[in-house]
Amino acid sequence: METAGTTSAPLATIASLAQHDGQTVTLRGWLYNLRSSGKLLFPTFRDGTGTIQGIVPKAAVPEALFNTLKELQLESSLMVTGKVRADARAPSGFELDVESLEVISAVSADQPFPITLKEHGVDFLMEHRHLWVRTPRQSAILRVRATIMRAAAEYFDTNGFIRTDPPILTPNACEGTSELFEMDYFDNDKAYLTQSGQLYIEATALALGKVYSFGPTFRAEKSKTRRHLTEFWMIEPEIAFAGLDDLLELAENFLSHIVARVLESHRGDLTVIGRDATKLEAIKAPFPRISYDEAHAMLEDAFSKGLIETQHKAGDDFGSPDETYISSQFDRPVMVHRYPAAIKAFYMQPDPADPTRALCVDVLAPEGYGEIIGGSQRVDSYDLLKRRIEEHNLPLAAFEWYLDLRRYGSVPHAGFGMGIERVVAWICGLDHVRETIPFARTLNRIYP
């Protein structure tokens, strides 16, 4: 350990420096960047809560400190003590007049930190994801992600929902096994990594009334789009004695709460990310609601006017370009409901007014970020559910326990799933979902 003068100043974080203006404090962190101008050094320090620029005049500090810092490699860990000074020109609003420095671990000049301020290719950055997360923008994204996850759980925890976590290993799938990761289980059985906790929390909803699950889910879909990961986090509420209208109201209040929490705590981080926060300020309930047929008509009109290149076929699901156009017509998430039952999952309740339509909803985020919530009222009739399972060629024996929920005190119930990573991408304004999670798992990446 190399030392260049130490003091016993109180410990602080960069995020808390507004409370210490004019005071001498000690920060613990890393050297993010270093500029020099003759007899002045301008180190930038980071500590996980933010970054701050230091000022080190050669004439004002011990020579050993100046020389130590001048030769220090980026990402060396250290403790730095200095006086906090407000400066409106600084990105963080403050600068640090460095007084002393203690090096905890010096990076070797023979093997410098591989990620620099120059442009790097995506493959290089993903290969070094364990180090890329240290950069200010990536750290800011992960801080926002943490608040989104906390706010999501907070909303349900404070509105009467009970968290009930479903199994990750399942004997069957919600919608068949074609996009599931299969694994060997004991005694030559097969198990699958879960793609949703929905079926299981339907069971706990009929025990507890209002429940939610929150955990990792897995999709073996061979997709290379900017919206897909093979491993992602999903939060899923389920409510007994609820229908589609209840679900729509829940979704808009839930999303509004999450965005409000991010705006309360992360305006600085959104600036670092490059996100226009004013677009998020419009995200307040109520959200626009349109039927599938209205959305299709909107696409037909756009195609006839040459606003979109591909014509949407009535009865088909919406593709990414379709969702992008539909959502572009609104300044907040739009809730598209009552899709054709034929293209939706077997467990979705048909609309009594038109059984060819399902009582379901997809919530499309604005600015082209696509579906962030998918949900429905569930089939509550035993006979209809049994028939739907058979029509979808699913193994009836595997769903006997699920049919029990309709045998014993069935009630109307509804729920949805929200993928955390797509919400992070939307709220942060990211081009690709790979930056929304600490270590992305995609079709071609499982390292590091």
Protein backbone atom coordinates (compact mmCIF):
# COMPACT_ATOMS: atom_id res chain seq x y z
CA MET A 1 0.00 0.00 0.00
CA GLU A 2 1.38 3.37 -1.02
CA THR A 3 0.51 6.43 1.00
CA ALA A 4 0.81 10.11 0.24
CA GLY A 5 -0.58 11.81 3.29
CA THR A 6 -3.77 10.79 5.12
CA THR A 7 -6.24 12.54 7.41
CA SER A 8 -9.11 11.49 9.64
CA ALA A 9 -11.79 13.45 7.76
CA PRO A 10 -15.30 11.94 7.88
CA LEU A 11 -16.21 9.44 5.19
CA ALA A 12 -18.69 10.55 2.55
CA THR A 13 -20.04 9.38 -0.79
CA ILE A 14 -20.06 11.40 -3.99
CA ALA A 15 -23.86 11.29 -4.02
CA SER A 16 -23.96 12.92 -0.56
CA LEU A 17 -21.56 15.80 -1.25
CA ALA A 18 -24.35 18.39 -1.31
CA GLN A 19 -24.50 17.88 2.46
CA HIS A 20 -20.77 18.63 2.83
CA ASP A 21 -20.21 21.82 0.83
CA GLY A 22 -17.17 23.61 2.26
CA GLN A 23 -16.19 20.63 4.42
CA THR A 24 -13.21 18.30 4.20
CA VAL A 25 -14.25 14.68 3.62
CA THR A 26 -12.73 11.36 2.62
CA LEU A 27 -14.01 9.42 -0.38
CA ARG A 28 -13.33 5.74 -1.06
CA GLY A 29 -13.34 4.74 -4.70
CA TRP A 30 -11.37 4.48 -7.92
CA LEU A 31 -9.52 6.75 -10.33
CA TYR A 32 -11.81 7.00 -13.35
CA ASN A 33 -9.89 9.54 -15.45
CA LEU A 34 -6.87 11.83 -15.18
CA ARG A 35 -6.05 15.01 -17.09
CA SER A 36 -3.05 17.22 -16.53
CA SER A 37 -2.27 20.79 -17.46
CA GLY A 38 1.29 21.60 -16.50
CA LYS A 39 1.30 22.04 -12.74
CA LEU A 40 -2.37 21.13 -12.37
CA LEU A 41 -3.88 17.64 -12.21
CA PHE A 42 -7.58 17.01 -12.80
CA PRO A 43 -8.38 13.49 -11.56
CA THR A 44 -11.93 12.17 -11.80
CA PHE A 45 -12.94 9.84 -9.00
CA ARG A 46 -15.87 7.41 -8.89
CA ASP A 47 -17.27 5.54 -5.91
CA GLY A 48 -20.36 3.73 -7.26
CA THR A 49 -22.71 6.58 -6.35
CA GLY A 50 -21.35 9.02 -8.94
CA THR A 51 -18.23 10.78 -10.19
CA ILE A 52 -16.47 13.99 -9.14
CA GLN A 53 -13.52 15.91 -10.52
CA GLY A 54 -10.63 16.71 -8.22
CA ILE A 55 -8.28 19.70 -8.45
CA VAL A 56 -4.62 19.15 -7.53
CA PRO A 57 -2.29 22.19 -7.89
CA LYS A 58 1.34 21.11 -7.58
CA ALA A 59 2.12 24.04 -5.32
CA ALA A 60 -0.68 23.25 -2.88
CA VAL A 61 0.05 19.58 -2.07
CA PRO A 62 3.08 17.55 -0.98
CA GLU A 63 5.32 16.64 -3.90
CA ALA A 64 4.93 12.92 -3.13
CA LEU A 65 1.14 13.19 -3.45
CA PHE A 66 1.35 15.04 -6.76
CA ASN A 67 3.83 12.55 -8.24
CA THR A 68 1.91 9.53 -6.96
CA LEU A 69 -1.32 10.72 -8.51
CA LYS A 70 0.35 11.75 -11.77
CA GLU A 71 1.69 8.22 -12.29
CA LEU A 72 -1.42 6.40 -11.05
CA GLN A 73 -3.16 4.16 -13.60
CA LEU A 74 -6.89 4.35 -14.21
CA GLU A 75 -9.10 2.18 -11.99
CA SER A 76 -6.55 2.10 -9.19
CA SER A 77 -8.46 2.00 -5.91
CA LEU A 78 -7.84 4.70 -3.36
CA MET A 79 -8.98 6.88 -0.50
CA VAL A 80 -8.87 10.58 -1.26
CA THR A 81 -9.38 13.44 1.16
CA GLY A 82 -10.24 16.97 0.14
CA LYS A 83 -12.45 19.98 0.57
CA VAL A 84 -15.82 19.92 -1.18
CA ARG A 85 -16.46 23.02 -3.26
CA ALA A 86 -19.66 23.86 -5.11
CA ASP A 87 -19.10 24.57 -8.81
CA ALA A 88 -22.08 25.02 -11.12
CA ARG A 89 -19.91 24.21 -14.15
CA ALA A 90 -19.06 20.72 -12.85
CA PRO A 91 -21.34 17.87 -13.99
CA SER A 92 -21.94 16.79 -10.39
CA GLY A 93 -22.25 20.38 -9.15
CA PHE A 94 -19.15 20.01 -6.99
CA GLU A 95 -15.39 19.66 -7.22
CA LEU A 96 -12.89 18.32 -4.69
CA ASP A 97 -9.77 20.25 -3.70
CA VAL A 98 -7.53 17.26 -3.00
CA GLU A 99 -5.47 17.40 0.19
CA SER A 100 -4.27 13.83 0.67
CA LEU A 101 -4.39 10.43 -0.98
CA GLU A 102 -4.00 6.80 0.03
CA VAL A 103 -3.58 4.20 -2.69
CA ILE A 104 -5.25 0.91 -1.80
CA SER A 105 -4.41 -1.07 -4.96
CA ALA A 106 -2.42 0.36 -7.86
CA VAL A 107 -3.13 -0.91 -11.38
CA SER A 108 0.04 -1.98 -13.19
CA ALA A 109 1.23 0.24 -16.04
CA ASP A 110 2.14 -2.98 -17.88
CA GLN A 111 -1.50 -4.06 -17.92
CA PRO A 112 -3.63 -0.89 -17.97
CA PHE A 113 -7.40 -0.86 -17.66
CA PRO A 114 -8.68 -2.06 -21.06
CA ILE A 115 -11.72 0.23 -21.34
CA THR A 116 -10.72 3.79 -22.13
CA LEU A 117 -12.62 6.91 -23.16
CA LYS A 118 -12.15 6.05 -26.83
CA GLU A 119 -14.85 4.24 -28.79
CA HIS A 120 -14.98 0.46 -28.31
CA GLY A 121 -17.01 -2.07 -30.30
CA VAL A 122 -20.02 -3.78 -28.73
CA ASP A 123 -18.37 -7.22 -28.81
CA PHE A 124 -15.33 -5.87 -26.97
CA LEU A 125 -17.48 -4.16 -24.34
CA MET A 126 -19.67 -7.22 -23.79
CA GLU A 127 -16.57 -9.41 -23.52
CA HIS A 128 -15.40 -7.04 -20.80
CA ARG A 129 -18.83 -6.51 -19.24
CA HIS A 130 -17.39 -7.16 -15.78
CA LEU A 131 -15.33 -3.97 -16.26
CA TRP A 132 -17.71 -2.03 -18.51
CA VAL A 133 -20.21 -1.76 -15.65
CA ARG A 134 -17.73 0.57 -13.91
CA THR A 135 -18.21 3.36 -16.45
CA PRO A 136 -20.51 6.22 -15.41
CA ARG A 137 -23.24 5.54 -17.95
CA GLN A 138 -23.45 1.82 -17.23
CA SER A 139 -23.36 2.44 -13.47
CA ALA A 140 -26.17 4.99 -13.84
CA ILE A 141 -28.28 2.45 -15.77
CA LEU A 142 -27.81 -0.14 -13.02
CA ARG A 143 -28.77 2.38 -10.33
CA VAL A 144 -31.96 3.20 -12.24
CA ARG A 145 -32.64 -0.53 -12.68
CA ALA A 146 -32.37 -1.06 -8.94
CA THR A 147 -34.91 1.70 -8.28
CA ILE A 148 -37.29 0.30 -10.91
CA MET A 149 -37.15 -3.10 -9.22
CA ARG A 150 -37.57 -1.60 -5.76
CA ALA A 151 -40.47 0.60 -6.88
CA ALA A 152 -42.18 -2.33 -8.59
CA ALA A 153 -42.11 -4.43 -5.42
CA GLU A 154 -42.97 -1.40 -3.30
CA TYR A 155 -46.16 -0.75 -5.26
CA PHE A 156 -47.50 -4.24 -4.64
CA ASP A 157 -46.21 -4.46 -1.06
CA THR A 158 -48.06 -1.26 -0.13
CA ASN A 159 -51.28 -2.14 -1.97
CA GLY A 160 -52.20 -5.36 -0.25
CA PHE A 161 -50.35 -7.87 -2.43
CA ILE A 162 -48.50 -10.83 -0.92
CA ARG A 163 -45.27 -11.93 -2.59
CA THR A 164 -45.35 -15.65 -3.38
CA ASP A 165 -42.40 -16.90 -5.40
CA PRO A 166 -43.04 -19.75 -7.86
CA PRO A 167 -40.54 -22.51 -8.68
CA ILE A 168 -37.83 -21.94 -11.27
CA LEU A 169 -37.83 -25.64 -12.20
CA THR A 170 -41.16 -26.73 -13.65
CA PRO A 171 -42.53 -29.98 -15.13
CA ASN A 172 -44.43 -28.17 -17.89
CA ALA A 173 -44.79 -24.81 -19.58
CA CYS A 174 -47.41 -22.08 -19.65
CA GLU A 175 -47.70 -22.27 -23.42
CA GLY A 176 -45.90 -25.43 -24.53
CA THR A 177 -42.21 -26.33 -24.34
CA SER A 178 -40.87 -25.20 -27.72
CA GLU A 179 -39.10 -22.16 -26.27
CA LEU A 180 -37.99 -23.62 -22.94
CA PHE A 181 -34.60 -24.69 -21.66
CA GLU A 182 -34.88 -28.40 -20.92
CA MET A 183 -32.78 -30.19 -18.33
CA ASP A 184 -32.51 -33.69 -16.92
CA TYR A 185 -34.17 -34.19 -13.58
CA PHE A 186 -33.97 -37.16 -11.20
CA ASP A 187 -35.07 -40.64 -12.31
CA ASN A 188 -34.87 -39.73 -16.00
CA ASP A 189 -37.55 -37.06 -15.68
CA LYS A 190 -37.39 -33.81 -17.61
CA ALA A 191 -37.65 -30.36 -16.07
CA TYR A 192 -37.74 -26.91 -17.62
CA LEU A 193 -36.48 -23.51 -16.57
CA THR A 194 -39.54 -21.37 -15.99
CA GLN A 195 -40.75 -18.90 -18.62
CA SER A 196 -43.36 -17.47 -16.25
CA GLY A 197 -44.63 -17.96 -12.73
CA GLN A 198 -48.20 -17.27 -13.78
CA LEU A 199 -49.81 -20.68 -13.35
CA TYR A 200 -48.36 -21.02 -9.86
CA ILE A 201 -49.40 -17.59 -8.68
CA GLU A 202 -52.91 -18.23 -9.93
CA ALA A 203 -52.91 -20.92 -7.24
CA THR A 204 -51.63 -18.57 -4.54
CA ALA A 205 -54.06 -15.84 -5.63
CA LEU A 206 -56.94 -18.20 -4.92
CA ALA A 207 -55.40 -18.75 -1.49
CA LEU A 208 -54.43 -15.16 -0.60
CA GLY A 209 -56.48 -12.89 -2.86
CA LYS A 210 -53.82 -10.54 -4.26
CA VAL A 211 -50.33 -11.85 -4.89
CA TYR A 212 -47.25 -11.26 -6.99
CA SER A 213 -44.05 -13.05 -7.93
CA PHE A 214 -40.69 -11.51 -8.76
CA GLY A 215 -37.78 -13.47 -10.14
CA PRO A 216 -35.72 -14.67 -13.08
CA THR A 217 -37.37 -16.26 -16.10
CA PHE A 218 -35.92 -17.96 -19.16
CA ARG A 219 -36.86 -18.11 -22.84
CA ALA A 220 -35.05 -20.33 -25.33
CA GLU A 221 -36.35 -18.23 -28.20
CA LYS A 222 -33.64 -17.90 -30.86
CA SER A 223 -34.10 -14.19 -31.28
CA LYS A 224 -31.41 -11.62 -32.05
CA THR A 225 -33.54 -8.49 -31.70
CA ARG A 226 -32.65 -5.57 -29.47
CA ARG A 227 -35.61 -6.42 -27.23
CA HIS A 228 -34.83 -10.03 -26.29
CA LEU A 229 -32.75 -11.76 -23.63
CA THR A 230 -32.70 -15.47 -22.81
CA GLU A 231 -32.60 -14.74 -19.07
CA PHE A 232 -34.54 -11.81 -17.64
CA TRP A 233 -36.50 -10.69 -14.59
CA MET A 234 -40.27 -10.68 -14.46
CA ILE A 235 -42.74 -9.29 -11.94
CA GLU A 236 -46.21 -10.81 -12.12
CA PRO A 237 -49.27 -9.82 -10.09
CA GLU A 238 -52.42 -11.94 -9.93
CA ILE A 239 -55.75 -10.91 -8.41
CA ALA A 240 -58.76 -13.01 -7.44
CA PHE A 241 -62.21 -11.58 -8.19
CA ALA A 242 -60.79 -9.34 -10.92
CA GLY A 243 -61.44 -8.78 -14.60
CA LEU A 244 -59.77 -7.03 -17.52
CA ASP A 245 -60.84 -3.52 -16.46
CA ASP A 246 -59.28 -4.06 -13.04
CA LEU A 247 -56.09 -5.17 -14.75
CA LEU A 248 -55.92 -2.09 -16.97
CA GLU A 249 -56.26 0.21 -13.98
CA LEU A 250 -53.62 -1.72 -12.06
CA ALA A 251 -51.15 -1.58 -14.97
CA GLU A 252 -51.40 2.18 -15.49
CA ASN A 253 -51.10 3.02 -11.79
CA PHE A 254 -48.22 0.56 -11.38
CA LEU A 255 -46.19 1.99 -14.27
CA SER A 256 -46.92 5.58 -13.22
CA HIS A 257 -45.58 4.79 -9.75
CA ILE A 258 -42.36 3.31 -11.12
CA VAL A 259 -41.64 6.27 -13.40
CA ALA A 260 -42.37 8.74 -10.59
CA ARG A 261 -39.88 7.00 -8.31
CA VAL A 262 -37.17 7.13 -10.99
CA LEU A 263 -37.78 10.85 -11.57
CA GLU A 264 -37.64 11.50 -7.82
CA SER A 265 -34.24 9.86 -7.37
CA HIS A 266 -32.37 9.74 -10.66
CA ARG A 267 -32.51 12.95 -12.66
CA GLY A 268 -28.72 13.16 -12.44
CA ASP A 269 -28.33 9.57 -13.62
CA LEU A 270 -30.77 10.15 -16.48
CA THR A 271 -28.60 13.09 -17.57
CA VAL A 272 -25.49 10.88 -17.49
CA ILE A 273 -27.32 8.27 -19.57
CA GLY A 274 -28.45 10.92 -22.03
CA ARG A 275 -32.17 10.46 -21.38
CA ASP A 276 -34.62 13.33 -21.90
CA ALA A 277 -36.46 13.28 -18.58
CA THR A 278 -39.25 15.53 -19.87
CA LYS A 279 -40.59 12.60 -21.91
CA LEU A 280 -40.97 10.62 -18.69
CA GLU A 281 -42.86 13.42 -16.96
CA ALA A 282 -45.88 12.68 -19.18
CA ILE A 283 -46.14 9.12 -17.85
CA LYS A 284 -49.17 9.49 -15.62
CA ALA A 285 -52.47 7.62 -15.44
CA PRO A 286 -54.82 7.33 -17.19
CA PHE A 287 -53.24 5.73 -20.24
CA PRO A 288 -54.92 5.59 -23.66
CA ARG A 289 -56.84 2.37 -24.30
CA ILE A 290 -57.54 1.03 -27.77
CA SER A 291 -58.86 -2.30 -28.99
CA TYR A 292 -56.92 -4.62 -31.27
CA ASP A 293 -59.34 -3.72 -34.07
CA GLU A 294 -58.73 0.00 -33.52
CA ALA A 295 -54.98 -0.58 -33.58
CA HIS A 296 -55.31 -2.56 -36.82
CA ALA A 297 -57.35 0.26 -38.36
CA MET A 298 -54.64 2.70 -37.31
CA LEU A 299 -52.05 0.60 -39.14
CA GLU A 300 -54.24 0.30 -42.22
CA ASP A 301 -54.59 4.07 -42.37
CA ALA A 302 -50.84 4.55 -41.92
CA PHE A 303 -50.09 2.06 -44.69
CA SER A 304 -52.50 3.74 -47.08
CA LYS A 305 -50.74 7.07 -46.45
CA GLY A 306 -47.27 5.58 -46.93
CA LEU A 307 -46.31 6.12 -43.29
CA ILE A 308 -45.36 2.46 -42.81
CA GLU A 309 -43.93 0.06 -45.38
CA THR A 310 -45.64 -3.21 -44.49
CA GLN A 311 -49.38 -3.80 -44.40
CA HIS A 312 -50.70 -5.46 -41.27
CA LYS A 313 -52.94 -8.47 -41.84
CA ALA A 314 -56.12 -8.53 -39.78
CA GLY A 315 -56.00 -11.37 -37.26
CA ASP A 316 -52.20 -11.47 -37.02
CA ASP A 317 -50.24 -10.42 -33.99
CA PHE A 318 -48.42 -7.10 -34.14
CA GLY A 319 -44.76 -7.16 -35.07
CA SER A 320 -42.13 -4.77 -33.74
CA PRO A 321 -42.65 -2.20 -36.55
CA ASP A 322 -46.41 -2.30 -35.92
CA GLU A 323 -45.97 -1.75 -32.18
CA THR A 324 -43.47 1.04 -32.85
CA TYR A 325 -45.94 2.91 -35.05
CA ILE A 326 -48.91 2.42 -32.73
CA SER A 327 -46.98 3.61 -29.68
CA SER A 328 -45.55 6.59 -31.60
CA GLN A 329 -49.03 8.10 -31.72
CA PHE A 330 -49.11 8.57 -27.94
CA ASP A 331 -46.95 10.33 -25.34
CA ARG A 332 -47.45 7.62 -22.74
CA PRO A 333 -47.92 3.83 -22.75
CA VAL A 334 -50.91 2.67 -24.80
CA MET A 335 -52.99 -0.32 -23.69
CA VAL A 336 -54.11 -2.49 -26.61
CA HIS A 337 -56.84 -4.91 -25.52
CA ARG A 338 -59.00 -7.71 -26.90
CA TYR A 339 -56.67 -9.45 -29.35
CA PRO A 340 -58.00 -12.36 -31.42
CA ALA A 341 -58.30 -15.37 -29.13
CA ALA A 342 -56.77 -17.60 -31.81
CA ILE A 343 -53.34 -15.96 -31.46
CA LYS A 344 -53.31 -15.84 -27.68
CA ALA A 345 -52.59 -18.36 -24.93
CA PHE A 346 -54.99 -21.11 -23.96
CA TYR A 347 -55.66 -19.70 -20.47
CA MET A 348 -57.08 -16.33 -21.62
CA GLN A 349 -60.79 -15.73 -21.01
CA PRO A 350 -62.87 -15.11 -24.16
CA ASP A 351 -64.80 -11.85 -24.32
CA PRO A 352 -68.48 -12.67 -23.59
CA ALA A 353 -69.50 -9.98 -26.11
CA ASP A 354 -67.36 -11.59 -28.82
CA PRO A 355 -65.80 -15.00 -28.05
CA THR A 356 -63.38 -14.60 -30.96
CA ARG A 357 -61.61 -11.97 -28.85
CA ALA A 358 -59.66 -12.59 -25.64
CA LEU A 359 -59.94 -10.43 -22.53
CA CYS A 360 -56.27 -9.55 -22.70
CA VAL A 361 -54.01 -6.51 -22.90
CA ASP A 362 -50.55 -5.63 -24.16
CA VAL A 363 -49.12 -2.38 -22.84
CA LEU A 364 -46.85 -0.77 -25.43
CA ALA A 365 -44.23 1.70 -24.24
CA PRO A 366 -43.84 4.95 -26.17
CA GLU A 367 -40.86 5.77 -28.39
CA GLY A 368 -40.75 2.37 -30.05
CA TYR A 369 -39.91 0.21 -27.03
CA GLY A 370 -42.66 -2.32 -27.66
CA GLU A 371 -44.58 -4.50 -25.25
CA ILE A 372 -43.61 -4.05 -21.61
CA ILE A 373 -46.68 -5.67 -20.02
CA GLY A 374 -48.79 -8.59 -21.20
CA GLY A 375 -51.76 -9.84 -19.26
CA SER A 376 -55.30 -11.14 -19.29
CA GLN A 377 -58.33 -12.26 -17.42
CA ARG A 378 -57.95 -16.02 -17.00
CA VAL A 379 -60.37 -18.75 -18.03
CA ASP A 380 -62.28 -19.64 -14.87
CA SER A 381 -64.48 -22.41 -16.29
CA TYR A 382 -63.21 -25.96 -15.76
CA ASP A 383 -64.81 -27.27 -18.95
CA LEU A 384 -63.53 -24.46 -21.13
CA LEU A 385 -60.00 -24.64 -19.73
CA LYS A 386 -59.87 -28.41 -20.23
CA ARG A 387 -61.04 -27.98 -23.81
CA ARG A 388 -58.48 -25.24 -24.49
CA ILE A 389 -55.63 -27.38 -23.13
CA GLU A 390 -56.68 -30.23 -25.45
CA GLU A 391 -57.05 -27.89 -28.43
CA HIS A 392 -53.48 -26.68 -27.90
CA ASN A 393 -52.22 -30.28 -27.80
CA LEU A 394 -50.80 -29.87 -24.31
CA PRO A 395 -50.42 -32.89 -21.99
CA LEU A 396 -53.57 -32.93 -19.89
CA ALA A 397 -51.93 -34.91 -17.08
CA ALA A 398 -49.35 -32.15 -16.55
CA PHE A 399 -52.12 -29.63 -16.00
CA GLU A 400 -54.32 -31.60 -13.61
CA TRP A 401 -53.18 -29.45 -10.69
CA TYR A 402 -53.98 -26.31 -12.70
CA LEU A 403 -57.46 -27.67 -13.49
CA ASP A 404 -57.93 -28.21 -9.74
CA LEU A 405 -58.03 -24.44 -9.38
CA ARG A 406 -61.23 -24.51 -11.45
CA ARG A 407 -62.65 -27.59 -9.68
CA TYR A 408 -62.46 -26.09 -6.22
CA GLY A 409 -63.97 -22.64 -5.84
CA SER A 410 -63.06 -21.03 -9.13
CA VAL A 411 -63.55 -17.26 -9.46
CA PRO A 412 -62.81 -14.67 -12.14
CA HIS A 413 -59.17 -13.66 -11.79
CA ALA A 414 -56.60 -11.74 -13.79
CA GLY A 415 -52.92 -10.91 -13.90
CA PHE A 416 -50.05 -9.66 -16.00
CA GLY A 417 -46.31 -9.99 -16.41
CA MET A 418 -43.83 -7.15 -16.78
CA GLY A 419 -40.27 -7.72 -17.95
CA ILE A 420 -37.91 -5.53 -15.94
CA GLU A 421 -35.29 -5.21 -18.67
CA ARG A 422 -37.66 -3.81 -21.29
CA VAL A 423 -38.87 -1.24 -18.77
CA VAL A 424 -35.27 -0.28 -17.96
CA ALA A 425 -34.57 0.09 -21.70
CA TRP A 426 -37.60 2.34 -22.14
CA ILE A 427 -37.12 4.51 -19.05
CA CYS A 428 -33.39 4.95 -19.75
CA GLY A 429 -33.89 5.38 -23.50
CA LEU A 430 -31.44 2.60 -24.42
CA ASP A 431 -30.88 1.25 -27.92
CA HIS A 432 -30.47 -2.37 -26.79
CA VAL A 433 -31.72 -4.47 -23.91
CA ARG A 434 -28.21 -5.91 -23.30
CA GLU A 435 -27.31 -2.81 -21.24
CA THR A 436 -30.29 -3.20 -18.89
CA ILE A 437 -28.95 -6.10 -16.82
CA PRO A 438 -25.56 -6.56 -15.15
CA PHE A 439 -24.65 -9.60 -17.27
CA ALA A 440 -26.79 -10.18 -20.35
CA ARG A 441 -27.55 -13.68 -21.59
CA THR A 442 -28.37 -13.69 -25.28
CA LEU A 443 -28.42 -16.16 -28.15
CA ASN A 444 -24.67 -15.81 -28.68
CA ARG A 445 -23.40 -14.74 -25.28
CA ILE A 446 -22.96 -16.51 -21.96
CA TYR A 447 -19.53 -15.06 -21.01
CA PRO A 448 -18.56 -13.51 -18.69
